[in-house]
Protein backbone atom coordinates (compact mmCIF):
# COMPACT_ATOMS: atom_id res chain seq x y z
CA UNK A 1 -150.09 -218.22 -72.84
CA UNK A 2 -148.21 -216.41 -70.05
CA UNK A 3 -148.09 -212.63 -70.48
CA UNK A 4 -144.58 -211.30 -70.99
CA UNK A 5 -142.68 -208.22 -69.87
CA UNK A 6 -139.94 -206.82 -72.09
CA UNK A 7 -136.72 -205.59 -70.45
CA UNK A 8 -134.18 -203.56 -72.42
CA UNK A 9 -132.09 -202.14 -69.59
CA UNK A 10 -128.52 -203.40 -69.43
CA UNK A 11 -128.40 -203.77 -65.67
CA UNK A 12 -131.92 -204.87 -64.74
CA UNK A 13 -131.92 -207.36 -61.83
CA UNK A 14 -128.12 -207.52 -61.74
CA UNK A 15 -127.71 -206.04 -58.26
CA UNK A 16 -128.39 -207.68 -54.92
CA UNK A 17 -132.18 -207.75 -55.32
CA UNK A 18 -133.67 -210.30 -57.75
CA UNK A 19 -136.42 -208.08 -59.11
CA UNK A 20 -136.95 -210.34 -62.12
CA UNK A 21 -138.07 -213.04 -59.70
CA UNK A 22 -140.82 -210.69 -58.46
CA UNK A 23 -142.22 -210.47 -61.97
CA UNK A 24 -142.03 -214.24 -62.39
CA UNK A 25 -143.74 -214.75 -59.06
CA UNK A 26 -146.54 -212.45 -60.21
CA UNK A 27 -147.09 -214.72 -63.21
CA UNK A 28 -145.17 -212.93 -65.96
CA UNK A 29 -142.38 -214.08 -68.26
CA UNK A 30 -139.39 -211.72 -68.43
CA UNK A 31 -137.93 -211.28 -71.92
CA UNK A 32 -134.63 -209.43 -72.33
CA UNK A 33 -133.80 -207.73 -75.63
CA UNK A 34 -131.44 -205.20 -77.19
CA UNK A 35 -130.78 -202.06 -75.11
CA UNK A 36 -130.42 -200.19 -78.40
CA UNK A 37 -134.18 -200.55 -79.04
CA UNK A 38 -133.65 -201.39 -82.73
CA UNK A 39 -137.06 -201.94 -84.30
CA UNK A 40 -136.10 -205.17 -86.05
CA UNK A 41 -134.73 -206.65 -82.83
CA UNK A 42 -137.72 -205.67 -80.70
CA UNK A 43 -140.59 -206.23 -83.14
CA UNK A 44 -141.04 -209.97 -82.43
CA UNK A 45 -141.24 -209.27 -78.67
CA UNK A 46 -143.41 -206.16 -78.83
CA UNK A 47 -146.23 -208.14 -80.42
CA UNK A 48 -146.96 -209.90 -77.14
CA UNK A 49 -145.70 -207.79 -74.22
CA UNK A 50 -147.96 -206.17 -71.65
CA UNK A 51 -145.18 -204.07 -70.09
CA UNK A 52 -141.81 -202.69 -71.14
CA UNK A 53 -139.03 -201.83 -68.70
CA UNK A 54 -137.03 -199.55 -70.96
CA UNK A 55 -133.46 -198.33 -70.93
CA UNK A 56 -132.18 -195.00 -72.24
CA UNK A 57 -132.66 -195.59 -75.99
CA UNK A 58 -135.69 -194.07 -77.76
CA UNK A 59 -139.20 -195.45 -77.28
CA UNK A 60 -141.01 -194.16 -80.37
CA UNK A 61 -144.50 -194.16 -81.82
CA UNK A 62 -143.27 -196.87 -84.20
CA UNK A 63 -142.32 -199.10 -81.27
CA UNK A 64 -145.67 -198.52 -79.59
CA UNK A 65 -147.63 -199.30 -82.75
CA UNK A 66 -146.07 -202.78 -82.74
CA UNK A 67 -147.26 -203.50 -79.18
CA UNK A 68 -151.06 -203.84 -79.16
CA UNK A 69 -151.19 -205.37 -75.67
CA UNK A 70 -148.74 -202.94 -74.07
CA UNK A 71 -150.08 -201.19 -70.97
CA UNK A 72 -147.02 -199.54 -69.43
CA UNK A 73 -143.56 -198.28 -70.39
CA UNK A 74 -141.52 -198.13 -67.19
CA UNK A 75 -138.36 -196.09 -67.67
CA UNK A 76 -135.55 -197.70 -65.74
CA UNK A 77 -134.13 -194.43 -64.44
CA UNK A 78 -135.35 -190.86 -64.31
CA UNK A 79 -135.05 -189.30 -67.77
CA UNK A 80 -138.05 -189.65 -70.07
CA UNK A 81 -136.92 -187.37 -72.91
CA UNK A 82 -136.37 -190.48 -75.06
CA UNK A 83 -139.99 -191.64 -74.69
CA UNK A 84 -142.74 -190.41 -77.02
CA UNK A 85 -145.13 -189.70 -74.16
CA UNK A 86 -147.82 -188.21 -76.38
CA UNK A 87 -147.89 -191.34 -78.55
CA UNK A 88 -148.05 -193.51 -75.43
CA UNK A 89 -150.95 -191.50 -74.03
CA UNK A 90 -152.78 -191.73 -77.36
CA UNK A 91 -152.61 -195.52 -77.12
CA UNK A 92 -153.58 -195.62 -73.44
CA UNK A 93 -150.09 -196.70 -72.37
CA UNK A 94 -148.91 -195.42 -68.99
CA UNK A 95 -145.35 -194.07 -68.71
CA UNK A 96 -143.47 -194.22 -65.42
CA UNK A 97 -139.95 -193.62 -64.14
CA UNK A 98 -137.89 -194.02 -60.98
CA UNK A 99 -137.06 -190.49 -59.75
CA UNK A 100 -134.27 -190.31 -57.23
CA UNK A 101 -133.18 -193.91 -57.72
CA UNK A 102 -129.81 -193.00 -59.21
CA UNK A 103 -129.36 -189.45 -57.89
CA UNK A 104 -126.56 -190.26 -55.47
CA UNK A 105 -124.69 -192.52 -57.89
CA UNK A 106 -124.79 -189.92 -60.69
CA UNK A 107 -123.69 -187.17 -58.30
CA UNK A 108 -120.79 -189.37 -57.22
CA UNK A 109 -119.72 -189.88 -60.83
CA UNK A 110 -120.00 -186.17 -61.62
CA UNK A 111 -117.70 -185.43 -58.70
CA UNK A 112 -115.29 -188.16 -59.78
CA UNK A 113 -115.15 -186.78 -63.32
CA UNK A 114 -114.62 -183.25 -62.05
CA UNK A 115 -111.79 -184.25 -59.72
CA UNK A 116 -110.21 -186.38 -62.46
CA UNK A 117 -110.28 -183.39 -64.80
CA UNK A 118 -108.95 -180.90 -62.26
CA UNK A 119 -106.06 -183.18 -61.27
CA UNK A 120 -105.39 -184.64 -64.74
CA UNK A 121 -105.87 -188.22 -63.57
CA UNK A 122 -106.53 -189.74 -67.01
CA UNK A 123 -103.79 -187.70 -68.69
CA UNK A 124 -101.35 -188.61 -65.94
CA UNK A 125 -102.10 -192.30 -66.30
CA UNK A 126 -101.50 -192.15 -70.06
CA UNK A 127 -98.25 -190.24 -69.53
CA UNK A 128 -96.85 -192.78 -67.07
CA UNK A 129 -97.73 -195.67 -69.37
CA UNK A 130 -95.73 -193.86 -72.05
CA UNK A 131 -92.77 -193.51 -69.68
CA UNK A 132 -93.31 -189.82 -68.91
CA UNK A 133 -93.22 -188.91 -65.21
CA UNK A 134 -93.26 -185.15 -65.79
CA UNK A 135 -95.49 -183.05 -63.54
CA UNK A 136 -98.96 -182.03 -64.78
CA UNK A 137 -100.29 -179.12 -62.79
CA UNK A 138 -103.95 -179.03 -61.75
CA UNK A 139 -106.30 -177.05 -59.53
CA UNK A 140 -107.73 -177.47 -56.03
CA UNK A 141 -111.49 -177.78 -55.89
CA UNK A 142 -111.74 -175.53 -52.81
CA UNK A 143 -110.40 -172.60 -54.84
CA UNK A 144 -113.14 -172.80 -57.47
CA UNK A 145 -116.59 -171.47 -58.29
CA UNK A 146 -118.57 -174.31 -59.81
CA UNK A 147 -121.67 -173.87 -61.94
CA UNK A 148 -124.51 -176.37 -61.63
CA UNK A 149 -127.02 -176.42 -64.49
CA UNK A 150 -130.22 -178.01 -63.20
CA UNK A 151 -130.82 -177.92 -59.45
CA UNK A 152 -132.99 -180.97 -58.96
CA UNK A 153 -132.10 -184.07 -56.94
CA UNK A 154 -128.87 -184.82 -58.81
CA UNK A 155 -127.77 -181.21 -59.09
CA UNK A 156 -128.38 -180.63 -55.39
CA UNK A 157 -126.51 -183.79 -54.43
CA UNK A 158 -123.56 -182.80 -56.58
CA UNK A 159 -123.60 -179.26 -55.20
CA UNK A 160 -123.60 -180.56 -51.63
CA UNK A 161 -120.51 -182.63 -52.38
CA UNK A 162 -118.45 -179.82 -53.85
CA UNK A 163 -119.55 -177.32 -51.19
CA UNK A 164 -118.41 -179.83 -48.55
CA UNK A 165 -115.00 -179.79 -50.27
CA UNK A 166 -114.82 -176.00 -50.01
CA UNK A 167 -116.03 -174.86 -53.45
CA UNK A 168 -118.55 -172.12 -54.11
CA UNK A 169 -121.55 -173.01 -56.28
CA UNK A 170 -123.62 -170.97 -58.72
CA UNK A 171 -126.78 -172.90 -59.64
CA UNK A 172 -129.21 -172.25 -62.47
CA UNK A 173 -132.70 -173.74 -62.68
CA UNK A 174 -135.60 -171.64 -64.03
CA UNK A 175 -138.10 -174.07 -62.56
CA UNK A 176 -137.26 -173.10 -59.00
CA UNK A 177 -139.98 -170.90 -57.49
CA UNK A 178 -139.15 -167.22 -57.23
CA UNK A 179 -137.41 -166.42 -53.97
CA UNK A 180 -136.26 -170.01 -53.38
CA UNK A 181 -133.78 -170.40 -50.57
CA UNK A 182 -130.40 -171.98 -51.20
CA UNK A 183 -128.03 -173.58 -48.69
CA UNK A 184 -124.83 -171.90 -47.58
CA UNK A 185 -122.27 -171.95 -50.34
CA UNK A 186 -124.85 -171.98 -53.17
CA UNK A 187 -125.90 -168.86 -55.09
CA UNK A 188 -128.90 -169.11 -57.44
CA UNK A 189 -128.38 -167.29 -60.75
CA UNK A 190 -130.92 -166.17 -63.33
CA UNK A 191 -129.50 -167.50 -66.60
CA UNK A 192 -127.44 -170.38 -67.91
CA UNK A 193 -125.15 -167.85 -69.61
CA UNK A 194 -123.97 -166.69 -66.19
CA UNK A 195 -122.40 -170.08 -65.57
CA UNK A 196 -119.94 -169.63 -68.46
CA UNK A 197 -117.74 -167.56 -66.18
CA UNK A 198 -117.42 -170.33 -63.58
CA UNK A 199 -114.22 -172.32 -63.18
CA UNK A 200 -116.18 -175.53 -63.77
CA UNK A 201 -119.73 -176.36 -64.88
CA UNK A 202 -121.65 -179.60 -64.32
CA UNK A 203 -124.76 -180.39 -66.40
CA UNK A 204 -127.80 -182.01 -64.77
CA UNK A 205 -130.68 -181.27 -67.15
CA UNK A 206 -132.76 -183.34 -69.60
CA UNK A 207 -131.79 -183.89 -73.22
CA UNK A 208 -133.61 -182.67 -76.28
CA UNK A 209 -131.97 -179.22 -76.14
CA UNK A 210 -128.62 -177.56 -76.83
CA UNK A 211 -127.23 -175.71 -73.83
CA UNK A 212 -123.51 -175.69 -74.56
CA UNK A 213 -123.47 -173.86 -77.88
CA UNK A 214 -120.79 -171.95 -79.78
CA UNK A 215 -122.23 -168.71 -78.36
CA UNK A 216 -122.11 -170.01 -74.78
CA UNK A 217 -118.58 -171.30 -75.24
CA UNK A 218 -117.40 -167.84 -76.31
CA UNK A 219 -118.12 -166.73 -72.73
CA UNK A 220 -116.06 -169.54 -71.20
CA UNK A 221 -112.61 -168.85 -69.79
CA UNK A 222 -110.76 -172.09 -69.19
CA UNK A 223 -113.89 -173.80 -67.84
CA UNK A 224 -113.81 -177.48 -66.89
CA UNK A 225 -117.06 -178.96 -68.22
CA UNK A 226 -118.74 -182.10 -66.83
CA UNK A 227 -121.77 -183.80 -68.38
CA UNK A 228 -123.47 -186.75 -66.69
CA UNK A 229 -126.84 -185.93 -68.27
CA UNK A 230 -127.32 -186.23 -72.05
CA UNK A 231 -124.91 -185.95 -74.97
CA UNK A 232 -127.18 -183.75 -77.09
CA UNK A 233 -126.87 -180.92 -74.58
CA UNK A 234 -123.49 -180.16 -76.12
CA UNK A 235 -122.54 -178.90 -79.59
CA UNK A 236 -119.60 -181.29 -79.95
CA UNK A 237 -117.82 -179.64 -82.92
CA UNK A 238 -118.03 -176.27 -81.16
CA UNK A 239 -116.76 -177.81 -77.92
CA UNK A 240 -113.84 -179.49 -79.71
CA UNK A 241 -112.83 -176.09 -81.07
CA UNK A 242 -113.17 -174.53 -77.61
CA UNK A 243 -110.93 -177.22 -76.15
CA UNK A 244 -108.28 -176.58 -78.77
CA UNK A 245 -108.38 -172.84 -78.07
CA UNK A 246 -108.33 -173.45 -74.27
CA UNK A 247 -111.62 -171.60 -73.79
CA UNK A 248 -112.61 -174.90 -72.16
CA UNK A 249 -109.83 -176.63 -70.22
CA UNK A 250 -111.37 -180.10 -70.15
CA UNK A 251 -114.50 -182.10 -70.87
CA UNK A 252 -115.55 -185.14 -68.87
CA UNK A 253 -118.81 -186.87 -69.77
CA UNK A 254 -120.75 -190.07 -69.28
CA UNK A 255 -122.10 -190.02 -72.82
CA UNK A 256 -121.65 -188.60 -76.29
CA UNK A 257 -124.17 -187.15 -78.73
CA UNK A 258 -125.91 -189.68 -80.96
CA UNK A 259 -126.51 -193.39 -80.56
CA UNK A 260 -124.60 -196.51 -81.53
CA UNK A 261 -122.00 -196.03 -84.24
CA UNK A 262 -122.49 -192.26 -84.29
CA UNK A 263 -120.39 -192.08 -81.14
CA UNK A 264 -117.32 -193.26 -83.01
CA UNK A 265 -117.48 -190.18 -85.23
CA UNK A 266 -117.55 -187.70 -82.36
CA UNK A 267 -114.98 -184.91 -82.81
CA UNK A 268 -114.34 -185.13 -79.07
CA UNK A 269 -112.62 -188.49 -79.58
CA UNK A 270 -109.88 -186.95 -81.73
CA UNK A 271 -106.40 -188.09 -80.70
CA UNK A 272 -105.15 -184.56 -80.02
CA UNK A 273 -107.87 -184.06 -77.40
CA UNK A 274 -107.23 -187.29 -75.49
CA UNK A 275 -105.52 -185.55 -72.56
CA UNK A 276 -108.40 -183.09 -72.15
CA UNK A 277 -111.42 -185.29 -72.79
CA UNK A 278 -112.60 -188.18 -70.62
CA UNK A 279 -115.65 -190.22 -71.65
CA UNK A 280 -117.21 -193.01 -69.59
CA UNK A 281 -119.76 -195.56 -70.94
CA UNK A 282 -122.97 -194.54 -69.15
CA UNK A 283 -121.60 -195.35 -65.70
CA UNK A 284 -123.78 -192.83 -63.86
CA UNK A 285 -126.34 -195.33 -62.61
CA UNK A 286 -123.98 -198.28 -62.49
CA UNK A 287 -123.71 -198.86 -58.77
CA UNK A 288 -125.20 -201.83 -56.96
CA UNK A 289 -127.30 -199.45 -54.88
CA UNK A 290 -128.76 -197.57 -57.85
CA UNK A 291 -129.40 -200.77 -59.81
CA UNK A 292 -131.41 -202.16 -56.90
CA UNK A 293 -133.41 -198.93 -56.50
CA UNK A 294 -134.13 -198.58 -60.23
CA UNK A 295 -135.09 -202.23 -60.55
CA UNK A 296 -137.35 -202.17 -57.52
CA UNK A 297 -138.97 -198.90 -58.58
CA UNK A 298 -139.62 -200.01 -62.15
CA UNK A 299 -141.13 -203.32 -61.02
CA UNK A 300 -143.31 -201.50 -58.48
CA UNK A 301 -144.60 -199.29 -61.29
CA UNK A 302 -145.21 -202.17 -63.70
CA UNK A 303 -147.05 -204.37 -61.21
CA UNK A 304 -149.22 -201.47 -60.08
CA UNK A 305 -150.36 -200.69 -63.64
CA UNK A 306 -150.95 -204.35 -64.46
CA UNK A 307 -152.97 -204.69 -61.24
CA UNK A 308 -155.13 -201.76 -62.34
CA UNK A 309 -153.96 -199.25 -59.75
CA UNK A 310 -152.06 -195.98 -60.03
CA UNK A 311 -148.27 -196.50 -60.21
CA UNK A 312 -146.03 -194.86 -57.59
CA UNK A 313 -144.26 -192.71 -60.19
CA UNK A 314 -146.40 -191.79 -63.20
CA UNK A 315 -144.98 -189.43 -65.82
CA UNK A 316 -147.06 -186.71 -67.37
CA UNK A 317 -146.20 -184.75 -70.53
CA UNK A 318 -144.36 -181.51 -69.82
CA UNK A 319 -146.60 -178.47 -70.28
CA UNK A 320 -143.70 -176.01 -70.31
CA UNK A 321 -140.37 -175.75 -72.19
CA UNK A 322 -137.55 -177.94 -70.94
CA UNK A 323 -134.68 -175.43 -71.15
CA UNK A 324 -132.57 -175.91 -68.08
CA UNK A 325 -135.18 -178.00 -66.26
CA UNK A 326 -133.42 -180.07 -63.65
CA UNK A 327 -133.19 -183.83 -63.76
CA UNK A 328 -135.17 -184.65 -60.67
């Protein structure tokens, strides 16, 4: 029986590089299954797979217990907060990711969401479709101080884009070594709370933590907030209240808190917030370029482990708290 590799990423091998063919050529069957990682949907496949190229949904101890032959979970992307790494290690399953593969595409989307918010692109489109050509006043990016939470690959790429457009950047990342240098236009700050006073803030940190809390929002003053990282970084009810009080001027994000049907209940989708909230459906890594890099990187990792050699991008459990740690 041919060994099989499970794929639960939506975009795997859909770019210009046929990475699935590489797995077939190496002698493996490729089995695609639900990107939601529902146990019932995956259980029949997990019984037989030797590798799992996983999307953003959780990979739990329960999943791993159903996969006795599994040798590697290759995250298709960079974030591994959804993977139970300790449970994988306990079963001798390697965990890998593809750092840097989607950094430029996510930074592009963060910039697009910021510009859309500052110039009311989505609200303007809705107004015109309703027959309203009245002016909606926005702000120029070059006049702003923009906070960047998490100064890893994505945060740095985003910062470089807005600095090139004339903005000033305040960046927070406690994992930077003391005395780290920053490029012209970027000031490193000591706490996330200091970013609340910025004109706009873009989040580039892992999930599994609340950064934008009711307390943090009380320090905001008309801030435009962008989130291309994880939905659980944000206290959504508190943010909805801050939007209604104008403490936050807008929210643009590539995700919402929760999975599946829980998204539909988000208070940020309320009709009265439609002109101030823009949500995209996990578009951050959805460029042809990023899809090719993530696919190639995940296949490189899988084939290395299955060949008995160290993968290019192994993941090790974090030994320190994740607060503010940059998505690298």
